[in-house]
Amino acid sequence: MAFAPSFAPRLDLRQSQSLVMTPQLRQAIQLLQFTNLEVSAYIEEELLKNPLLEQDDGGETVTALEPPTAAQAADLPEDTASLTLAGMLPEAGSAPLDMDSSNVYDAGTNADGYSASRLGGDGDEDWNAIDALGAQRLCLREHLEQQARLAFAGREERLIASMMIATLDPAGRLGDTPEALAGALGVELSRFEAVRTVMMHFDPVGVFATSLAECLAAQLAELNRLDPAMQALLDHLPLLAKREMRALQELCGVDAADLADMVAELKRLDPKPGARFESEPLRPLIPDVLMRPAPVRDEEGSDWLLEINPETMPRLLIRRGFHARILASANKETKSFLSEQLQGATWLVKALESRAQTILRVAAEIVRRQDGFFHHGISHLRPLTLRDIAVELGLHESTVSRVTSNKSIATPRGIFELKFFFTTALAGANGETHSAETVRYRVAQIIGQESPKNILSDDAIASILQKEGIDIARRTVAKYREALRIPGSAQRKREKMPA
């Protein structure tokens, strides 16, 4: 007996589980992978959006917010006179809150170019904003344009100069060949080269060159040191990079001592004269976690104390009194707004606390496992993976990855990124394992100790490591050596060959 399929609609009740990425969860994940400085910037944005948030500057402590009870709300005065006396509203004679003060002149303030923060530490008040403008550092193009206006009077020459300045790369080299630039301007190549020759002696000397040799030649000519021997050396810079000293001696017609002096003179020149104008000042690496020796060992036997860097991680609080005052006389729409802001502020504070605890847990476990490194150095760095930390702390590997990304720790041995302590393992004798970073350091150490008469090959280095109980192949030694930017045995032999 056959039954026809039924296509009639029906309702079924099914139970299933799924992960929902709520805005709060997304915010917590985002905060976890931020550095302290990025979290600080994020907090600044939230302080502008949420009136219930407040940054703790070390003053009066604000407790966590709890909704006011009915008795507390009833105790608040309702008339404006009482609120004014209580300091909750501005006085009648004070300026209105919506007054535009942008056109108000206040002598002795920033409005007339004066700023107390500009004064020197010795109380000198002769600082002038107009004079300070001249002390501002010009960029490379502005610096060259000023010199071009003084060097060239003709319209065609200034046009050529403007074209070359516009095509400079950050190092100060021309972005295209002189032939291509002259053709684009529709001028003769000889005319273009005449202008370029003058501009190559602008400050800094060597800009507008088309190659490294031409850049160095212009600087040597300015020093009156561009003789035939030096020009021959510049024409064969690839041989100098390969340390072919004997071939260079024959090409330049000098002995070993003179060649060494010429090479030393080249090293004093600037291969990228424009870089110092375009480069930004170096920013100090600010650690996210601080580590210092503990006076005594804790219960877990640790010799170190860890804390989140307080200088980069502000403390966020909730304004309880402000919320209570506003809520007492608020209408329905305002209460709904305050409820949303309260929920967001409470979640953000909890997310920041959870983030700090997670970072400290992961950092503490890393310090515990790499305790030998902090006491004895890189030779005692142990193999470590994200999974090792995740299993020990009961976290997911992705969480450990977010915690350790773009974060650093200040230790007695210096500032290190947390990712530095995670290295792969190399097999060793008797079932032991060795950190890849430790083996890489050992390779550099062996090469640094070799004598000029006994330059070690990659095979010889691998044999030494194998005798020390490290199972490593020649190609792995070569990979580590190249990562350390150490040349091969043939080039090292030429470099260490006595003159």
Protein backbone atom coordinates (compact mmCIF):
# COMPACT_ATOMS: atom_id res chain seq x y z
CA MET A 1 0.00 0.00 0.00
CA ALA A 2 1.56 3.28 -1.13
CA PHE A 3 1.11 6.66 0.54
CA ALA A 4 1.18 9.88 -1.41
CA PRO A 5 3.64 12.50 -0.08
CA SER A 6 2.04 15.30 1.90
CA PHE A 7 2.91 18.87 0.97
CA ALA A 8 0.66 20.56 3.50
CA PRO A 9 2.34 23.19 5.77
CA ARG A 10 2.92 22.26 9.39
CA LEU A 11 4.65 23.61 12.50
CA ASP A 12 7.57 21.79 14.14
CA LEU A 13 9.30 22.69 17.41
CA ARG A 14 13.06 22.08 17.31
CA GLN A 15 15.78 22.88 19.82
CA SER A 16 19.28 23.84 18.66
CA GLN A 17 22.33 25.72 19.88
CA SER A 18 24.16 28.44 17.97
CA LEU A 19 26.74 31.10 18.75
CA VAL A 20 25.36 34.62 18.34
CA MET A 21 27.90 37.41 17.91
CA THR A 22 26.30 40.14 20.00
CA PRO A 23 27.61 43.72 19.94
CA GLN A 24 28.93 43.27 23.47
CA LEU A 25 30.81 40.08 22.56
CA ARG A 26 32.23 41.74 19.46
CA GLN A 27 33.36 44.67 21.62
CA ALA A 28 35.06 42.35 24.13
CA ILE A 29 36.94 40.51 21.36
CA GLN A 30 37.99 43.80 19.83
CA LEU A 31 39.30 45.14 23.14
CA LEU A 32 41.24 41.94 23.77
CA GLN A 33 43.36 42.31 20.66
CA PHE A 34 43.93 46.06 21.14
CA THR A 35 47.13 47.37 22.68
CA ASN A 36 46.89 49.56 25.78
CA LEU A 37 47.32 52.69 23.68
CA GLU A 38 44.55 51.61 21.32
CA VAL A 39 42.28 50.82 24.27
CA SER A 40 43.05 54.25 25.72
CA ALA A 41 42.02 55.90 22.45
CA TYR A 42 38.86 53.77 22.37
CA ILE A 43 38.03 54.86 25.92
CA GLU A 44 38.44 58.51 24.92
CA GLU A 45 35.80 58.01 22.23
CA GLU A 46 33.43 56.30 24.66
CA LEU A 47 33.87 59.12 27.18
CA LEU A 48 32.58 61.54 24.56
CA LYS A 49 29.60 59.32 23.70
CA ASN A 50 28.49 58.14 27.14
CA PRO A 51 27.80 60.79 29.83
CA LEU A 52 27.79 58.14 32.58
CA LEU A 53 31.46 57.25 32.04
CA GLU A 54 34.28 59.02 33.83
CA GLN A 55 38.03 58.58 33.82
CA ASP A 56 39.67 58.22 37.21
CA ASP A 57 42.49 60.75 37.57
CA GLY A 58 43.45 59.62 41.03
CA GLY A 59 40.93 61.78 42.85
CA GLU A 60 37.82 60.75 44.72
CA THR A 61 36.93 57.12 44.13
CA VAL A 62 33.64 56.50 42.38
CA THR A 63 31.97 53.24 43.22
CA ALA A 64 30.20 51.05 40.75
CA LEU A 65 26.78 52.33 39.81
CA GLU A 66 23.65 50.86 41.27
CA PRO A 67 20.20 52.21 40.44
CA PRO A 68 18.95 54.59 43.20
CA THR A 69 16.34 53.24 45.49
CA ALA A 70 12.93 54.80 45.80
CA ALA A 71 13.92 56.39 49.13
CA GLN A 72 17.01 57.98 47.57
CA ALA A 73 15.01 59.35 44.66
CA ALA A 74 12.41 60.75 47.03
CA ASP A 75 15.08 62.60 49.03
CA LEU A 76 16.20 64.63 46.04
CA PRO A 77 14.71 68.17 45.92
CA GLU A 78 12.40 68.95 43.06
CA ASP A 79 12.50 72.78 43.01
CA THR A 80 15.30 74.60 41.15
CA ALA A 81 16.21 76.78 44.14
CA SER A 82 17.11 73.80 46.29
CA LEU A 83 19.05 72.20 43.46
CA THR A 84 21.01 75.43 42.98
CA LEU A 85 21.88 75.60 46.68
CA ALA A 86 22.96 71.97 46.57
CA GLY A 87 25.36 72.76 43.72
CA MET A 88 23.47 70.65 41.18
CA LEU A 89 22.50 73.59 38.93
CA PRO A 90 24.49 76.73 37.92
CA GLU A 91 23.74 80.01 39.62
CA ALA A 92 21.52 82.59 37.97
CA GLY A 93 24.36 85.02 37.29
CA SER A 94 26.58 82.49 35.57
CA ALA A 95 27.01 82.34 31.81
CA PRO A 96 24.44 80.31 29.92
CA LEU A 97 25.57 76.83 28.90
CA ASP A 98 24.81 77.42 25.22
CA MET A 99 26.70 80.74 24.97
CA ASP A 100 29.11 80.98 22.02
CA SER A 101 32.49 82.03 23.39
CA SER A 102 34.47 81.55 20.19
CA ASN A 103 34.65 85.32 19.56
CA VAL A 104 35.54 86.29 23.13
CA TYR A 105 39.03 87.80 23.53
CA ASP A 106 40.83 87.00 26.74
CA ALA A 107 44.18 88.74 27.07
CA GLY A 108 47.06 86.59 28.20
CA THR A 109 45.61 83.33 26.88
CA ASN A 110 45.88 81.30 23.70
CA ALA A 111 43.67 83.85 21.93
CA ASP A 112 46.56 86.31 21.57
CA GLY A 113 49.29 83.76 20.86
CA TYR A 114 50.28 83.26 24.47
CA SER A 115 50.36 79.90 26.17
CA ALA A 116 51.64 79.06 29.60
CA SER A 117 52.69 75.64 28.38
CA ARG A 118 55.06 77.32 25.91
CA LEU A 119 57.12 78.95 28.63
CA GLY A 120 60.53 77.59 29.43
CA GLY A 121 61.28 75.84 32.66
CA ASP A 122 63.18 78.91 33.92
CA GLY A 123 60.11 81.16 33.73
CA ASP A 124 61.20 82.99 30.54
CA GLU A 125 58.15 84.72 29.05
CA ASP A 126 59.83 86.06 25.88
CA TRP A 127 58.47 83.23 23.76
CA ASN A 128 56.94 84.46 20.50
CA ALA A 129 54.62 82.41 18.31
CA ILE A 130 55.82 84.17 15.11
CA ASP A 131 59.46 83.37 15.84
CA ALA A 132 58.53 79.75 16.59
CA LEU A 133 57.21 79.30 13.06
CA GLY A 134 60.74 79.61 11.69
CA ALA A 135 61.91 76.78 13.90
CA GLN A 136 59.49 74.31 12.31
CA ARG A 137 61.21 71.64 10.24
CA LEU A 138 60.59 71.83 6.51
CA CYS A 139 59.95 68.75 4.43
CA LEU A 140 62.39 67.79 1.68
CA ARG A 141 60.36 69.28 -1.18
CA GLU A 142 59.83 72.62 0.56
CA HIS A 143 63.54 72.75 1.40
CA LEU A 144 64.50 72.14 -2.24
CA GLU A 145 61.90 74.54 -3.65
CA GLN A 146 63.38 77.38 -1.61
CA GLN A 147 66.83 76.66 -3.05
CA ALA A 148 65.46 76.36 -6.60
CA ARG A 149 63.84 79.80 -6.40
CA LEU A 150 67.22 81.28 -5.51
CA ALA A 151 69.26 79.24 -8.01
CA PHE A 152 67.20 79.71 -11.18
CA ALA A 153 65.74 82.87 -12.65
CA GLY A 154 64.46 81.57 -15.97
CA ARG A 155 60.94 80.19 -16.35
CA GLU A 156 62.10 77.05 -18.20
CA GLU A 157 64.73 76.23 -15.58
CA ARG A 158 62.22 76.60 -12.75
CA LEU A 159 59.77 74.37 -14.63
CA ILE A 160 62.43 71.65 -14.96
CA ALA A 161 63.35 72.04 -11.29
CA SER A 162 59.71 71.73 -10.21
CA MET A 163 59.30 68.56 -12.28
CA MET A 164 62.36 66.93 -10.69
CA ILE A 165 61.31 67.90 -7.17
CA ALA A 166 57.85 66.43 -7.76
CA THR A 167 59.27 63.08 -8.91
CA LEU A 168 61.69 62.54 -6.01
CA ASP A 169 61.33 59.38 -3.97
CA PRO A 170 61.74 59.41 -0.15
CA ALA A 171 65.48 58.62 -0.48
CA GLY A 172 66.08 61.69 -2.69
CA ARG A 173 66.48 59.84 -6.01
CA LEU A 174 64.73 60.69 -9.26
CA GLY A 175 61.59 58.64 -9.80
CA ASP A 176 62.27 58.23 -13.53
CA THR A 177 65.13 58.46 -16.01
CA PRO A 178 66.33 61.89 -17.20
CA GLU A 179 65.43 60.91 -20.78
CA ALA A 180 61.82 60.17 -19.82
CA LEU A 181 61.45 63.35 -17.77
CA ALA A 182 63.01 65.54 -20.46
CA GLY A 183 60.71 64.02 -23.08
CA ALA A 184 57.66 64.62 -20.87
CA LEU A 185 58.62 68.30 -20.53
CA GLY A 186 59.53 68.68 -24.20
CA VAL A 187 63.01 70.04 -23.52
CA GLU A 188 66.41 68.93 -24.74
CA LEU A 189 68.20 66.35 -22.63
CA SER A 190 71.31 68.57 -22.40
CA ARG A 191 69.21 71.40 -20.99
CA PHE A 192 67.61 69.05 -18.47
CA GLU A 193 70.98 67.62 -17.40
CA ALA A 194 72.43 71.10 -16.91
CA VAL A 195 69.68 71.94 -14.43
CA ARG A 196 70.01 68.56 -12.72
CA THR A 197 73.79 69.00 -12.31
CA VAL A 198 73.21 72.23 -10.41
CA MET A 199 70.46 70.73 -8.26
CA MET A 200 72.58 67.70 -7.30
CA HIS A 201 74.66 70.13 -5.22
CA PHE A 202 71.66 71.48 -3.35
CA ASP A 203 71.44 70.76 0.34
CA PRO A 204 71.50 67.83 1.04
CA VAL A 205 74.17 67.05 -1.53
CA GLY A 206 73.42 64.00 -3.65
CA VAL A 207 69.69 64.45 -4.24
CA PHE A 208 68.33 64.06 -7.80
CA ALA A 209 70.79 61.22 -8.51
CA THR A 210 69.68 58.26 -10.59
CA SER A 211 71.85 55.66 -8.84
CA LEU A 212 73.79 55.07 -5.66
CA ALA A 213 77.13 55.59 -7.42
CA GLU A 214 76.02 58.96 -8.81
CA CYS A 215 74.74 60.05 -5.40
CA LEU A 216 78.03 59.19 -3.69
CA ALA A 217 80.02 60.78 -6.52
CA ALA A 218 78.23 64.12 -6.02
CA GLN A 219 79.03 64.08 -2.30
CA LEU A 220 82.68 63.21 -2.95
CA ALA A 221 82.94 65.99 -5.55
CA GLU A 222 81.60 68.45 -2.97
CA LEU A 223 84.41 67.32 -0.64
CA ASN A 224 86.98 67.50 -3.50
CA ARG A 225 87.70 63.78 -3.09
CA LEU A 226 86.48 62.42 -6.42
CA ASP A 227 89.77 61.29 -7.92
CA PRO A 228 90.16 58.58 -10.62
CA ALA A 229 90.75 55.84 -8.05
CA MET A 230 87.57 56.74 -6.16
CA GLN A 231 85.62 56.93 -9.41
CA ALA A 232 86.83 53.43 -10.33
CA LEU A 233 85.65 52.19 -6.95
CA LEU A 234 82.21 53.76 -7.52
CA ASP A 235 82.00 52.11 -10.93
CA HIS A 236 82.46 48.69 -9.33
CA LEU A 237 80.27 48.87 -6.22
CA PRO A 238 78.90 45.32 -6.81
CA LEU A 239 82.45 43.99 -6.27
CA LEU A 240 82.64 45.93 -3.03
CA ALA A 241 79.38 44.34 -1.87
CA LYS A 242 80.92 40.91 -2.54
CA ARG A 243 84.13 41.89 -0.71
CA GLU A 244 86.30 41.27 -3.78
CA MET A 245 89.10 43.39 -2.37
CA ARG A 246 91.94 42.08 -4.50
CA ALA A 247 90.03 42.68 -7.71
CA LEU A 248 89.21 46.22 -6.57
CA GLN A 249 92.86 46.90 -5.78
CA GLU A 250 93.79 46.06 -9.36
CA LEU A 251 90.92 48.09 -10.87
CA CYS A 252 91.61 51.17 -8.73
CA GLY A 253 95.40 50.89 -8.89
CA VAL A 254 95.87 51.16 -5.11
CA ASP A 255 97.23 48.97 -2.35
CA ALA A 256 95.25 47.39 0.49
CA ALA A 257 95.76 50.29 2.92
CA ASP A 258 94.58 52.92 0.41
CA LEU A 259 91.54 50.79 -0.51
CA ALA A 260 90.61 50.45 3.16
CA ASP A 261 90.76 54.26 3.53
CA MET A 262 88.59 54.72 0.44
CA VAL A 263 86.00 52.26 1.72
CA ALA A 264 85.98 54.00 5.11
CA GLU A 265 85.37 57.32 3.35
CA LEU A 266 82.44 55.87 1.44
CA LYS A 267 80.90 54.65 4.69
CA ARG A 268 80.89 58.22 6.02
CA LEU A 269 78.68 59.39 3.13
CA ASP A 270 74.88 59.38 3.10
CA PRO A 271 73.44 56.89 0.56
CA LYS A 272 69.91 58.30 1.06
CA PRO A 273 70.29 62.05 1.59
CA GLY A 274 66.56 62.73 1.41
CA ALA A 275 65.53 60.15 4.00
CA ARG A 276 66.30 62.31 7.02
CA PHE A 277 63.77 64.91 5.88
CA GLU A 278 60.88 62.55 5.17
CA SER A 279 61.36 60.14 8.07
CA GLU A 280 59.12 60.48 11.11
CA PRO A 281 60.65 60.60 14.59
CA LEU A 282 61.05 57.22 16.21
CA ARG A 283 58.28 56.39 18.62
CA PRO A 284 59.27 54.68 21.84
CA LEU A 285 57.92 51.21 22.41
CA ILE A 286 55.55 51.48 25.35
CA PRO A 287 55.01 48.11 27.08
CA ASP A 288 51.54 46.85 27.91
CA VAL A 289 52.69 44.70 30.86
CA LEU A 290 55.30 45.59 33.48
CA MET A 291 57.44 42.92 35.11
CA ARG A 292 59.76 43.32 38.08
CA PRO A 293 61.44 41.02 40.62
CA ALA A 294 59.32 40.11 43.62
CA PRO A 295 60.70 40.73 47.12
CA VAL A 296 59.74 37.21 48.13
CA ARG A 297 58.38 34.22 46.29
CA ASP A 298 54.62 33.96 46.10
CA GLU A 299 52.55 30.89 46.87
CA GLU A 300 53.11 29.50 43.36
CA GLY A 301 56.89 29.93 43.62
CA SER A 302 57.17 32.83 41.19
CA ASP A 303 60.02 35.34 41.47
CA TRP A 304 58.27 38.04 39.42
CA LEU A 305 55.46 40.56 39.82
CA LEU A 306 53.29 41.49 36.83
CA GLU A 307 50.91 44.40 36.33
CA ILE A 308 49.18 46.23 33.51
CA ASN A 309 51.04 49.43 32.65
CA PRO A 310 49.01 52.10 34.50
CA GLU A 311 50.42 54.95 32.38
CA THR A 312 48.78 53.61 29.22
CA MET A 313 45.69 52.02 30.71
CA PRO A 314 43.31 54.55 32.30
CA ARG A 315 40.81 53.48 34.93
CA LEU A 316 37.21 53.87 33.83
CA LEU A 317 34.47 54.59 36.35
CA ILE A 318 30.71 55.20 36.29
CA ARG A 319 29.19 58.45 37.56
CA ARG A 320 26.75 57.28 40.20
CA GLY A 321 25.77 60.64 41.63
CA PHE A 322 25.16 62.21 38.24
CA HIS A 323 22.96 59.30 37.19
CA ALA A 324 20.91 59.50 40.38
CA ARG A 325 20.31 63.25 40.07
CA ILE A 326 19.21 63.08 36.44
CA LEU A 327 17.06 59.97 36.91
CA ALA A 328 15.02 61.58 39.71
CA SER A 329 13.40 64.18 37.46
CA ALA A 330 13.76 62.52 34.05
CA ASN A 331 10.94 61.79 31.68
CA LYS A 332 10.33 58.42 30.04
CA GLU A 333 12.53 59.12 27.02
CA THR A 334 15.43 60.29 29.18
CA LYS A 335 15.11 57.27 31.47
CA SER A 336 15.26 54.98 28.44
CA PHE A 337 18.39 56.77 27.22
CA LEU A 338 20.02 56.55 30.66
CA SER A 339 19.20 52.85 30.85
CA GLU A 340 20.94 52.18 27.53
CA GLN A 341 23.97 54.24 28.52
CA LEU A 342 24.14 52.52 31.89
CA GLN A 343 24.05 49.10 30.28
CA GLY A 344 26.78 50.06 27.83
CA ALA A 345 28.95 51.62 30.53
CA THR A 346 28.59 48.63 32.84
CA TRP A 347 29.48 46.19 30.07
CA LEU A 348 32.51 48.26 29.02
CA VAL A 349 33.88 48.39 32.56
CA LYS A 350 33.43 44.62 32.94
CA ALA A 351 35.02 44.01 29.52
CA LEU A 352 38.07 46.09 30.49
CA GLU A 353 38.44 44.19 33.78
CA SER A 354 38.14 40.85 31.98
CA ARG A 355 40.69 41.98 29.40
CA ALA A 356 43.21 42.96 32.07
CA GLN A 357 42.76 39.68 33.93
CA THR A 358 43.17 37.62 30.76
CA ILE A 359 46.32 39.46 29.71
CA LEU A 360 47.88 39.02 33.16
CA ARG A 361 46.99 35.33 33.24
CA VAL A 362 48.59 34.69 29.85
CA ALA A 363 51.64 36.82 30.65
CA ALA A 364 52.10 35.09 34.01
CA GLU A 365 52.01 31.66 32.37
CA ILE A 366 54.54 32.76 29.74
CA VAL A 367 56.84 34.08 32.46
CA ARG A 368 56.49 30.85 34.42
CA ARG A 369 57.41 28.69 31.46
CA GLN A 370 60.28 30.93 30.30
CA ASP A 371 61.70 31.54 33.76
CA GLY A 372 65.10 30.26 32.64
CA PHE A 373 65.32 32.94 29.96
CA PHE A 374 64.78 35.76 32.46
CA HIS A 375 67.42 34.37 34.82
CA HIS A 376 70.07 33.06 32.40
CA GLY A 377 69.44 34.50 28.92
CA ILE A 378 68.38 33.36 25.47
CA SER A 379 70.27 30.08 25.68
CA HIS A 380 67.60 28.92 28.15
CA LEU A 381 64.58 29.87 26.03
CA ARG A 382 62.22 26.89 25.87
CA PRO A 383 59.94 25.80 23.01
CA LEU A 384 56.43 27.16 23.50
CA THR A 385 53.23 27.24 21.44
CA LEU A 386 49.88 28.95 21.77
CA ARG A 387 48.28 25.60 22.42
CA ASP A 388 50.48 25.01 25.48
CA ILE A 389 49.23 28.22 27.09
CA ALA A 390 45.63 27.65 26.02
CA VAL A 391 45.48 24.14 27.49
CA GLU A 392 47.09 25.22 30.76
CA LEU A 393 44.71 28.18 31.27
CA GLY A 394 41.58 26.61 29.82
CA LEU A 395 41.36 29.18 27.00
CA HIS A 396 40.95 28.89 23.25
CA GLU A 397 44.03 29.25 21.07
CA SER A 398 42.45 32.20 19.26
CA THR A 399 42.06 33.99 22.61
CA VAL A 400 45.73 33.47 23.44
CA SER A 401 46.64 34.68 19.95
CA ARG A 402 44.62 37.88 20.41
CA VAL A 403 46.14 38.49 23.85
CA THR A 404 49.73 38.15 22.61
CA SER A 405 49.33 40.04 19.31
CA ASN A 406 50.85 43.54 19.22
CA LYS A 407 51.53 43.53 22.95
CA SER A 408 54.87 43.82 24.71
CA ILE A 409 56.22 43.26 28.19
CA ALA A 410 58.95 45.21 30.01
CA THR A 411 61.34 42.79 31.69
CA PRO A 412 64.72 43.17 33.44
CA ARG A 413 66.26 41.98 30.16
CA GLY A 414 64.48 44.57 28.03
CA ILE A 415 61.14 45.04 26.28
CA PHE A 416 59.91 42.05 24.27
CA GLU A 417 56.79 41.32 22.30
CA LEU A 418 54.79 38.50 23.84
CA LYS A 419 55.03 36.64 20.51
CA PHE A 420 58.81 36.48 20.97
CA PHE A 421 58.45 33.77 23.61
CA PHE A 422 56.61 31.39 21.25
CA THR A 423 59.11 29.34 19.25
CA THR A 424 59.03 26.01 17.49
CA ALA A 425 60.83 23.00 18.90
CA LEU A 426 63.79 21.14 17.43
CA ALA A 427 64.41 17.54 18.42
CA GLY A 428 67.44 16.71 20.50
CA ALA A 429 69.17 13.78 22.08
CA ASN A 430 67.51 11.79 24.85
CA GLY A 431 64.08 13.06 23.87
CA GLU A 432 64.87 16.69 24.75
CA THR A 433 63.66 19.61 22.66
CA HIS A 434 65.36 22.92 21.89
CA SER A 435 63.84 26.27 21.02
CA ALA A 436 64.40 27.39 17.45
CA GLU A 437 65.34 30.86 18.73
CA THR A 438 67.99 29.33 20.99
CA VAL A 439 69.43 27.31 18.10
CA ARG A 440 69.44 30.42 15.90
CA TYR A 441 71.36 32.27 18.60
CA ARG A 442 73.80 29.38 18.89
CA VAL A 443 74.44 29.46 15.11
CA ALA A 444 75.31 33.17 15.31
CA GLN A 445 77.54 32.46 18.31
CA ILE A 446 79.47 29.71 16.51
CA ILE A 447 80.02 31.89 13.44
CA GLY A 448 81.13 34.81 15.61
CA GLN A 449 83.79 32.65 17.28
CA GLU A 450 85.29 31.20 14.07
CA SER A 451 88.84 32.22 13.20
CA PRO A 452 89.81 33.81 9.84
CA LYS A 453 91.88 30.72 9.03
CA ASN A 454 89.05 28.28 9.79
CA ILE A 455 85.79 29.50 8.26
CA LEU A 456 83.03 26.99 8.99
CA SER A 457 80.63 25.74 6.35
CA ASP A 458 76.96 25.04 7.03
CA ASP A 459 77.75 21.32 7.21
CA ALA A 460 80.46 21.96 9.81
CA ILE A 461 78.09 24.09 11.91
CA ALA A 462 75.42 21.38 11.70
CA SER A 463 77.97 18.81 12.90
CA ILE A 464 78.90 20.98 15.90
CA LEU A 465 75.25 21.36 16.86
CA GLN A 466 74.63 17.66 16.49
CA LYS A 467 77.50 16.94 18.86
CA GLU A 468 75.80 19.30 21.35
CA GLY A 469 72.65 17.17 21.18
CA ILE A 470 70.65 19.22 18.65
CA ASP A 471 69.27 17.24 15.72
CA ILE A 472 69.54 19.73 12.86
CA ALA A 473 70.15 19.50 9.12
CA ARG A 474 72.47 21.59 6.97
CA ARG A 475 69.58 23.30 5.15
CA THR A 476 68.12 24.37 8.50
CA VAL A 477 71.45 25.92 9.47
CA ALA A 478 71.50 27.75 6.13
CA LYS A 479 67.95 29.02 6.71
CA TYR A 480 68.81 30.32 10.18
CA ARG A 481 72.02 31.91 8.90
CA GLU A 482 70.17 33.73 6.12
CA ALA A 483 67.51 34.88 8.58
CA LEU A 484 70.31 36.40 10.68
CA ARG A 485 71.67 38.09 7.52
CA ILE A 486 75.01 36.34 7.86
CA PRO A 487 76.77 35.70 4.53
CA GLY A 488 77.92 32.28 3.41
CA SER A 489 81.29 30.76 4.21
CA ALA A 490 82.88 31.92 0.91
CA GLN A 491 82.01 35.58 1.47
CA ARG A 492 82.94 35.41 5.16
CA LYS A 493 86.34 34.06 4.15
CA ARG A 494 86.87 37.03 1.80
CA GLU A 495 85.77 39.49 4.50
CA LYS A 496 88.05 38.04 7.17
CA MET A 497 91.00 37.54 4.83
CA PRO A 498 93.97 39.59 6.09
CA ALA A 499 94.98 42.46 3.84
